[in-house]
C-alpha cells in the first residue's frame, strides 16, 4: 500500500512539474531557473532533479509535443496555400509569430537549447521547410539561391530582435520581416557576395549559439 501511494505521489509530482515547466518555459524561455519551476509546481528542487535529472530531460518531457503541434500547423497551412509565394511568406510570418508570442518556442526555433527528442522534431521541421521553399522556387517566385540554411538565419535574427524589443517595440520584427520578404522575391534578386552555409557550418554555428547562454 505504501509503495503504491509513493508511486501515485511520484506520478502527481511529475505531472505538476511538467505543467509548471511548460508555463515557465513559455514565459521566460528554456533557460528559465529550474528552482522557479519547482516552486511553481509546489515541490522541492530535489524532487525536480530526482524525477528528471537534467534540464534537457525536462525540456524533452515538455516541449516536443508543443513544438511539433505548433510548427506542424504553420507548415500545413503554408503547403495548403494555393499560391506558393503566399505559402512561403505565410510560413515565415507564422513561425516568427510563434517566436514573438512564446519564449520557449523562440528558443526551440532558433536552436538556442538542444535536447534529444526536441532535435528529432527540428529535423522533421527542416524537411517541411524545404518543401515550402522548393515549392515557391519551382513557381519562379522565390529567388533560386535561397536555401533552408538561409532560413535559419531569418529565425536566428528574429529571435534576437524579439528578445531585445519585446518590451519597447513588440512588433519591430514585423517590419524587419516585411523588408526581408520583399528582398527574397525572385524579381528582386541580384547576385550575392557570398555563398550559403554548409550543413557542417550550420551545426558549428548552432553549437556556438548554445554556448552563449541566456541573452
C-alpha atoms as a PDB file:
ATOM      1  CA  UNK A   1       0.000   0.000   0.000  1.00  0.00           C
ATOM      2  CA  UNK A   2       2.790   2.410   0.962  1.00  0.00           C
ATOM      3  CA  UNK A   3       4.684   1.665  -2.248  1.00  0.00           C
ATOM      4  CA  UNK A   4       1.561   2.252  -4.304  1.00  0.00           C
ATOM      5  CA  UNK A   5       0.994   5.583  -2.540  1.00  0.00           C
ATOM      6  CA  UNK A   6       4.572   6.628  -3.294  1.00  0.00           C
ATOM      7  CA  UNK A   7       4.178   5.742  -6.940  1.00  0.00           C
ATOM      8  CA  UNK A   8       0.966   7.775  -7.133  1.00  0.00           C
ATOM      9  CA  UNK A   9       2.703  10.727  -5.453  1.00  0.00           C
ATOM     10  CA  UNK A  10       5.572  10.432  -7.894  1.00  0.00           C
ATOM     11  CA  UNK A  11       3.210  10.485 -10.872  1.00  0.00           C
ATOM     12  CA  UNK A  12       1.417  13.531  -9.488  1.00  0.00           C
ATOM     13  CA  UNK A  13       4.720  15.332  -8.924  1.00  0.00           C
ATOM     14  CA  UNK A  14       5.878  14.563 -12.442  1.00  0.00           C
ATOM     15  CA  UNK A  15       2.668  15.945 -13.912  1.00  0.00           C
ATOM     16  CA  UNK A  16       2.816  19.065 -11.723  1.00  0.00           C
ATOM     17  CA  UNK A  17       6.420  19.642 -12.800  1.00  0.00           C
ATOM     18  CA  UNK A  18       5.566  19.187 -16.477  1.00  0.00           C
ATOM     19  CA  UNK A  19       2.711  21.685 -16.265  1.00  0.00           C
ATOM     20  CA  UNK A  20       4.804  24.189 -14.324  1.00  0.00           C
ATOM     21  CA  UNK A  21       7.738  23.805 -16.714  1.00  0.00           C
ATOM     22  CA  UNK A  22       5.501  24.435 -19.713  1.00  0.00           C
ATOM     23  CA  UNK A  23       4.234  27.668 -18.155  1.00  0.00           C
ATOM     24  CA  UNK A  24       7.618  28.954 -17.003  1.00  0.00           C
ATOM     25  CA  UNK A  25       9.456  27.983 -20.198  1.00  0.00           C
ATOM     26  CA  UNK A  26       6.841  29.703 -22.335  1.00  0.00           C
ATOM     27  CA  UNK A  27       7.049  32.841 -20.203  1.00  0.00           C
ATOM     28  CA  UNK A  28      10.832  33.029 -19.802  1.00  0.00           C
ATOM     29  CA  UNK A  29      12.422  30.626 -22.270  1.00  0.00           C
ATOM     30  CA  UNK A  30      14.212  27.313 -21.929  1.00  0.00           C
ATOM     31  CA  UNK A  31      16.935  28.809 -19.730  1.00  0.00           C
ATOM     32  CA  UNK A  32      14.397  29.693 -17.028  1.00  0.00           C
ATOM     33  CA  UNK A  33      15.545  28.824 -13.489  1.00  0.00           C
ATOM     34  CA  UNK A  34      14.649  25.263 -12.579  1.00  0.00           C
ATOM     35  CA  UNK A  35      14.137  26.322  -8.974  1.00  0.00           C
ATOM     36  CA  UNK A  36      11.322  28.581 -10.137  1.00  0.00           C
ATOM     37  CA  UNK A  37       9.699  25.659 -11.945  1.00  0.00           C
ATOM     38  CA  UNK A  38       9.887  23.525  -8.806  1.00  0.00           C
ATOM     39  CA  UNK A  39       8.418  26.360  -6.742  1.00  0.00           C
ATOM     40  CA  UNK A  40       5.595  26.872  -9.265  1.00  0.00           C
ATOM     41  CA  UNK A  41       4.859  23.134  -9.102  1.00  0.00           C
ATOM     42  CA  UNK A  42       4.791  23.198  -5.304  1.00  0.00           C
ATOM     43  CA  UNK A  43       7.632  20.686  -4.903  1.00  0.00           C
ATOM     44  CA  UNK A  44      11.266  20.887  -3.854  1.00  0.00           C
ATOM     45  CA  UNK A  45      14.137  21.380  -6.297  1.00  0.00           C
ATOM     46  CA  UNK A  46      15.389  17.991  -5.167  1.00  0.00           C
ATOM     47  CA  UNK A  47      12.146  16.409  -6.378  1.00  0.00           C
ATOM     48  CA  UNK A  48      12.590  18.022  -9.782  1.00  0.00           C
ATOM     49  CA  UNK A  49      16.116  16.642 -10.146  1.00  0.00           C
ATOM     50  CA  UNK A  50      15.085  13.254  -8.817  1.00  0.00           C
ATOM     51  CA  UNK A  51      12.291  12.958 -11.379  1.00  0.00           C
ATOM     52  CA  UNK A  52      14.029  14.459 -14.421  1.00  0.00           C
ATOM     53  CA  UNK A  53      17.742  14.568 -13.652  1.00  0.00           C
ATOM     54  CA  UNK A  54      18.731  17.296 -16.124  1.00  0.00           C
ATOM     55  CA  UNK A  55      17.314  20.392 -17.799  1.00  0.00           C
ATOM     56  CA  UNK A  56      17.476  18.556 -21.141  1.00  0.00           C
ATOM     57  CA  UNK A  57      15.307  15.733 -19.810  1.00  0.00           C
ATOM     58  CA  UNK A  58      12.737  18.220 -18.512  1.00  0.00           C
ATOM     59  CA  UNK A  59      12.715  20.057 -21.847  1.00  0.00           C
ATOM     60  CA  UNK A  60      12.210  16.757 -23.655  1.00  0.00           C
ATOM     61  CA  UNK A  61       9.304  15.927 -21.348  1.00  0.00           C
ATOM     62  CA  UNK A  62       7.554  19.223 -22.090  1.00  0.00           C
ATOM     63  CA  UNK A  63       8.497  20.767 -25.434  1.00  0.00           C
ATOM     64  CA  UNK A  64       8.488  18.184 -28.272  1.00  0.00           C
ATOM     65  CA  UNK A  65       4.709  17.778 -28.427  1.00  0.00           C
ATOM     66  CA  UNK A  66       4.125  21.525 -28.206  1.00  0.00           C
ATOM     67  CA  UNK A  67       6.765  22.292 -30.841  1.00  0.00           C
ATOM     68  CA  UNK A  68       5.549  19.565 -33.193  1.00  0.00           C
ATOM     69  CA  UNK A  69       1.942  20.768 -32.981  1.00  0.00           C
ATOM     70  CA  UNK A  70       2.713  24.486 -33.374  1.00  0.00           C
ATOM     71  CA  UNK A  71       5.318  24.197 -36.144  1.00  0.00           C
ATOM     72  CA  UNK A  72       3.367  21.479 -37.913  1.00  0.00           C
ATOM     73  CA  UNK A  73       0.259  23.655 -38.058  1.00  0.00           C
ATOM     74  CA  UNK A  74       2.211  26.542 -39.639  1.00  0.00           C
ATOM     75  CA  UNK A  75       3.772  24.228 -42.231  1.00  0.00           C
ATOM     76  CA  UNK A  76       0.444  22.604 -43.112  1.00  0.00           C
ATOM     77  CA  UNK A  77      -1.153  26.000 -43.703  1.00  0.00           C
ATOM     78  CA  UNK A  78       1.779  27.052 -45.883  1.00  0.00           C
ATOM     79  CA  UNK A  79       1.688  23.916 -48.022  1.00  0.00           C
ATOM     80  CA  UNK A  80      -2.097  24.117 -48.384  1.00  0.00           C
ATOM     81  CA  UNK A  81      -1.929  27.700 -49.677  1.00  0.00           C
ATOM     82  CA  UNK A  82      -2.638  27.664 -53.451  1.00  0.00           C
ATOM     83  CA  UNK A  83      -0.170  30.483 -54.129  1.00  0.00           C
ATOM     84  CA  UNK A  84       3.372  29.173 -53.457  1.00  0.00           C
ATOM     85  CA  UNK A  85       4.714  32.651 -52.636  1.00  0.00           C
ATOM     86  CA  UNK A  86       1.916  33.332 -50.179  1.00  0.00           C
ATOM     87  CA  UNK A  87       2.603  29.910 -48.686  1.00  0.00           C
ATOM     88  CA  UNK A  88       6.285  30.741 -48.237  1.00  0.00           C
ATOM     89  CA  UNK A  89       5.644  34.234 -46.864  1.00  0.00           C
ATOM     90  CA  UNK A  90       2.908  32.880 -44.598  1.00  0.00           C
ATOM     91  CA  UNK A  91       5.255  30.236 -43.269  1.00  0.00           C
ATOM     92  CA  UNK A  92       7.960  32.769 -42.427  1.00  0.00           C
ATOM     93  CA  UNK A  93       5.484  35.113 -40.768  1.00  0.00           C
ATOM     94  CA  UNK A  94       3.775  32.256 -38.947  1.00  0.00           C
ATOM     95  CA  UNK A  95       7.000  30.919 -37.452  1.00  0.00           C
ATOM     96  CA  UNK A  96       8.106  34.413 -36.465  1.00  0.00           C
ATOM     97  CA  UNK A  97       4.747  34.984 -34.790  1.00  0.00           C
ATOM     98  CA  UNK A  98       5.388  31.868 -32.703  1.00  0.00           C
ATOM     99  CA  UNK A  99       8.778  33.281 -31.751  1.00  0.00           C
ATOM    100  CA  UNK A 100       7.255  36.598 -30.725  1.00  0.00           C
ATOM    101  CA  UNK A 101       4.436  35.090 -28.680  1.00  0.00           C
ATOM    102  CA  UNK A 102       6.158  32.174 -26.929  1.00  0.00           C
ATOM    103  CA  UNK A 103       9.623  32.405 -25.344  1.00  0.00           C
ATOM    104  CA  UNK A 104      10.043  28.627 -25.269  1.00  0.00           C
ATOM    105  CA  UNK A 105       9.214  28.237 -28.952  1.00  0.00           C
ATOM    106  CA  UNK A 106      11.517  31.143 -29.745  1.00  0.00           C
ATOM    107  CA  UNK A 107      14.344  29.151 -28.159  1.00  0.00           C
ATOM    108  CA  UNK A 108      13.313  25.966 -29.963  1.00  0.00           C
ATOM    109  CA  UNK A 109      13.050  27.632 -33.372  1.00  0.00           C
ATOM    110  CA  UNK A 110      16.363  29.464 -33.031  1.00  0.00           C
ATOM    111  CA  UNK A 111      18.002  26.258 -31.690  1.00  0.00           C
ATOM    112  CA  UNK A 112      19.121  28.045 -28.566  1.00  0.00           C
ATOM    113  CA  UNK A 113      18.887  24.893 -26.496  1.00  0.00           C
ATOM    114  CA  UNK A 114      19.064  21.317 -27.776  1.00  0.00           C
ATOM    115  CA  UNK A 115      17.568  18.189 -26.237  1.00  0.00           C
ATOM    116  CA  UNK A 116      17.346  14.715 -27.759  1.00  0.00           C
ATOM    117  CA  UNK A 117      13.651  14.463 -28.595  1.00  0.00           C
ATOM    118  CA  UNK A 118      13.455  18.138 -29.450  1.00  0.00           C
ATOM    119  CA  UNK A 119      16.225  17.655 -32.009  1.00  0.00           C
ATOM    120  CA  UNK A 120      14.127  14.974 -33.720  1.00  0.00           C
ATOM    121  CA  UNK A 121      11.231  17.425 -34.032  1.00  0.00           C
ATOM    122  CA  UNK A 122      13.575  20.033 -35.512  1.00  0.00           C
ATOM    123  CA  UNK A 123      14.725  17.543 -38.163  1.00  0.00           C
ATOM    124  CA  UNK A 124      11.124  16.926 -39.199  1.00  0.00           C
ATOM    125  CA  UNK A 125      10.581  20.680 -39.350  1.00  0.00           C
ATOM    126  CA  UNK A 126      13.568  21.056 -41.664  1.00  0.00           C
ATOM    127  CA  UNK A 127      12.033  18.768 -44.272  1.00  0.00           C
ATOM    128  CA  UNK A 128       8.757  20.688 -44.222  1.00  0.00           C
ATOM    129  CA  UNK A 129      10.624  23.965 -44.621  1.00  0.00           C
ATOM    130  CA  UNK A 130      12.483  22.584 -47.621  1.00  0.00           C
ATOM    131  CA  UNK A 131       9.163  21.715 -49.249  1.00  0.00           C
ATOM    132  CA  UNK A 132       7.821  25.226 -48.608  1.00  0.00           C
ATOM    133  CA  UNK A 133      10.986  26.765 -50.075  1.00  0.00           C
ATOM    134  CA  UNK A 134      11.219  24.475 -53.099  1.00  0.00           C
ATOM    135  CA  UNK A 135       7.551  24.951 -53.926  1.00  0.00           C
ATOM    136  CA  UNK A 136       7.990  28.740 -54.151  1.00  0.00           C
ATOM    137  CA  UNK A 137      11.233  28.392 -56.103  1.00  0.00           C
ATOM    138  CA  UNK A 138       9.747  25.958 -58.632  1.00  0.00           C
ATOM    139  CA  UNK A 139       6.997  28.504 -59.251  1.00  0.00           C
ATOM    140  CA  UNK A 140       9.672  31.113 -60.031  1.00  0.00           C
ATOM    141  CA  UNK A 141       8.545  33.349 -57.164  1.00  0.00           C
ATOM    142  CA  UNK A 142      11.303  32.881 -54.567  1.00  0.00           C
ATOM    143  CA  UNK A 143      14.889  33.636 -55.523  1.00  0.00           C
ATOM    144  CA  UNK A 144      16.612  30.416 -56.566  1.00  0.00           C
ATOM    145  CA  UNK A 145      19.703  30.852 -54.377  1.00  0.00           C
ATOM    146  CA  UNK A 146      17.768  30.933 -51.091  1.00  0.00           C
ATOM    147  CA  UNK A 147      18.428  27.787 -49.036  1.00  0.00           C
ATOM    148  CA  UNK A 148      16.982  26.176 -45.960  1.00  0.00           C
ATOM    149  CA  UNK A 149      20.191  27.147 -44.157  1.00  0.00           C
ATOM    150  CA  UNK A 150      19.428  30.770 -45.026  1.00  0.00           C
ATOM    151  CA  UNK A 151      16.034  30.293 -43.395  1.00  0.00           C
ATOM    152  CA  UNK A 152      17.803  29.545 -40.118  1.00  0.00           C
ATOM    153  CA  UNK A 153      19.403  32.991 -40.232  1.00  0.00           C
ATOM    154  CA  UNK A 154      15.973  34.544 -40.664  1.00  0.00           C
ATOM    155  CA  UNK A 155      14.775  32.859 -37.483  1.00  0.00           C
ATOM    156  CA  UNK A 156      18.000  33.474 -35.546  1.00  0.00           C
ATOM    157  CA  UNK A 157      17.795  37.181 -36.398  1.00  0.00           C
ATOM    158  CA  UNK A 158      14.146  37.314 -35.415  1.00  0.00           C
ATOM    159  CA  UNK A 159      14.947  35.549 -32.131  1.00  0.00           C
ATOM    160  CA  UNK A 160      17.441  38.258 -31.202  1.00  0.00           C
ATOM    161  CA  UNK A 161      15.104  41.042 -32.283  1.00  0.00           C
ATOM    162  CA  UNK A 162      12.205  39.608 -30.307  1.00  0.00           C
ATOM    163  CA  UNK A 163      14.290  39.186 -27.140  1.00  0.00           C
ATOM    164  CA  UNK A 164      15.558  42.752 -27.204  1.00  0.00           C
ATOM    165  CA  UNK A 165      12.493  44.666 -28.444  1.00  0.00           C
ATOM    166  CA  UNK A 166       9.589  42.789 -26.839  1.00  0.00           C
ATOM    167  CA  UNK A 167       9.142  45.447 -24.165  1.00  0.00           C
ATOM    168  CA  UNK A 168       9.783  48.656 -26.089  1.00  0.00           C
ATOM    169  CA  UNK A 169       8.634  47.700 -29.600  1.00  0.00           C
ATOM    170  CA  UNK A 170       6.935  44.282 -29.670  1.00  0.00           C
ATOM    171  CA  UNK A 171       6.076  44.493 -33.376  1.00  0.00           C
ATOM    172  CA  UNK A 172       9.506  45.602 -34.631  1.00  0.00           C
ATOM    173  CA  UNK A 173      10.149  42.126 -36.021  1.00  0.00           C
ATOM    174  CA  UNK A 174       7.216  42.521 -38.427  1.00  0.00           C
ATOM    175  CA  UNK A 175       8.898  45.475 -40.129  1.00  0.00           C
ATOM    176  CA  UNK A 176      12.155  43.557 -40.401  1.00  0.00           C
ATOM    177  CA  UNK A 177      10.457  40.515 -41.921  1.00  0.00           C
ATOM    178  CA  UNK A 178       8.497  42.735 -44.317  1.00  0.00           C
ATOM    179  CA  UNK A 179      11.751  44.141 -45.720  1.00  0.00           C
ATOM    180  CA  UNK A 180      13.248  40.662 -45.882  1.00  0.00           C
ATOM    181  CA  UNK A 181      10.345  39.111 -47.775  1.00  0.00           C
ATOM    182  CA  UNK A 182      10.387  41.865 -50.394  1.00  0.00           C
ATOM    183  CA  UNK A 183      14.093  41.176 -50.926  1.00  0.00           C
ATOM    184  CA  UNK A 184      13.515  37.449 -51.344  1.00  0.00           C
ATOM    185  CA  UNK A 185      11.186  37.773 -54.317  1.00  0.00           C
ATOM    186  CA  UNK A 186      12.736  36.316 -57.457  1.00  0.00           C
ATOM    187  CA  UNK A 187      12.098  39.556 -59.359  1.00  0.00           C
ATOM    188  CA  UNK A 188      14.251  41.481 -56.871  1.00  0.00           C
ATOM    189  CA  UNK A 189      17.204  39.057 -56.920  1.00  0.00           C
ATOM    190  CA  UNK A 190      20.755  40.211 -57.561  1.00  0.00           C
ATOM    191  CA  UNK A 191      23.974  38.149 -57.311  1.00  0.00           C
ATOM    192  CA  UNK A 192      25.065  37.643 -53.707  1.00  0.00           C
ATOM    193  CA  UNK A 193      28.580  38.383 -52.403  1.00  0.00           C
ATOM    194  CA  UNK A 194      28.894  35.078 -50.514  1.00  0.00           C
ATOM    195  CA  UNK A 195      27.593  31.521 -50.777  1.00  0.00           C
ATOM    196  CA  UNK A 196      25.248  29.727 -48.362  1.00  0.00           C
ATOM    197  CA  UNK A 197      26.473  27.927 -45.264  1.00  0.00           C
ATOM    198  CA  UNK A 198      27.187  24.236 -45.475  1.00  0.00           C
ATOM    199  CA  UNK A 199      25.465  21.786 -43.151  1.00  0.00           C
ATOM    200  CA  UNK A 200      28.673  21.470 -41.093  1.00  0.00           C
ATOM    201  CA  UNK A 201      28.906  25.247 -40.741  1.00  0.00           C
ATOM    202  CA  UNK A 202      25.299  25.416 -39.583  1.00  0.00           C
ATOM    203  CA  UNK A 203      25.976  22.754 -36.955  1.00  0.00           C
ATOM    204  CA  UNK A 204      29.010  24.703 -35.719  1.00  0.00           C
ATOM    205  CA  UNK A 205      27.011  27.923 -35.507  1.00  0.00           C
ATOM    206  CA  UNK A 206      24.240  26.191 -33.550  1.00  0.00           C
ATOM    207  CA  UNK A 207      26.827  24.742 -31.160  1.00  0.00           C
ATOM    208  CA  UNK A 208      28.338  28.166 -30.544  1.00  0.00           C
ATOM    209  CA  UNK A 209      24.911  29.721 -30.025  1.00  0.00           C
ATOM    210  CA  UNK A 210      24.242  27.084 -27.408  1.00  0.00           C
ATOM    211  CA  UNK A 211      27.402  28.081 -25.570  1.00  0.00           C
ATOM    212  CA  UNK A 212      26.306  31.698 -25.220  1.00  0.00           C
ATOM    213  CA  UNK A 213      23.714  31.080 -22.512  1.00  0.00           C
ATOM    214  CA  UNK A 214      20.921  33.489 -21.605  1.00  0.00           C
ATOM    215  CA  UNK A 215      20.841  36.757 -23.534  1.00  0.00           C
END
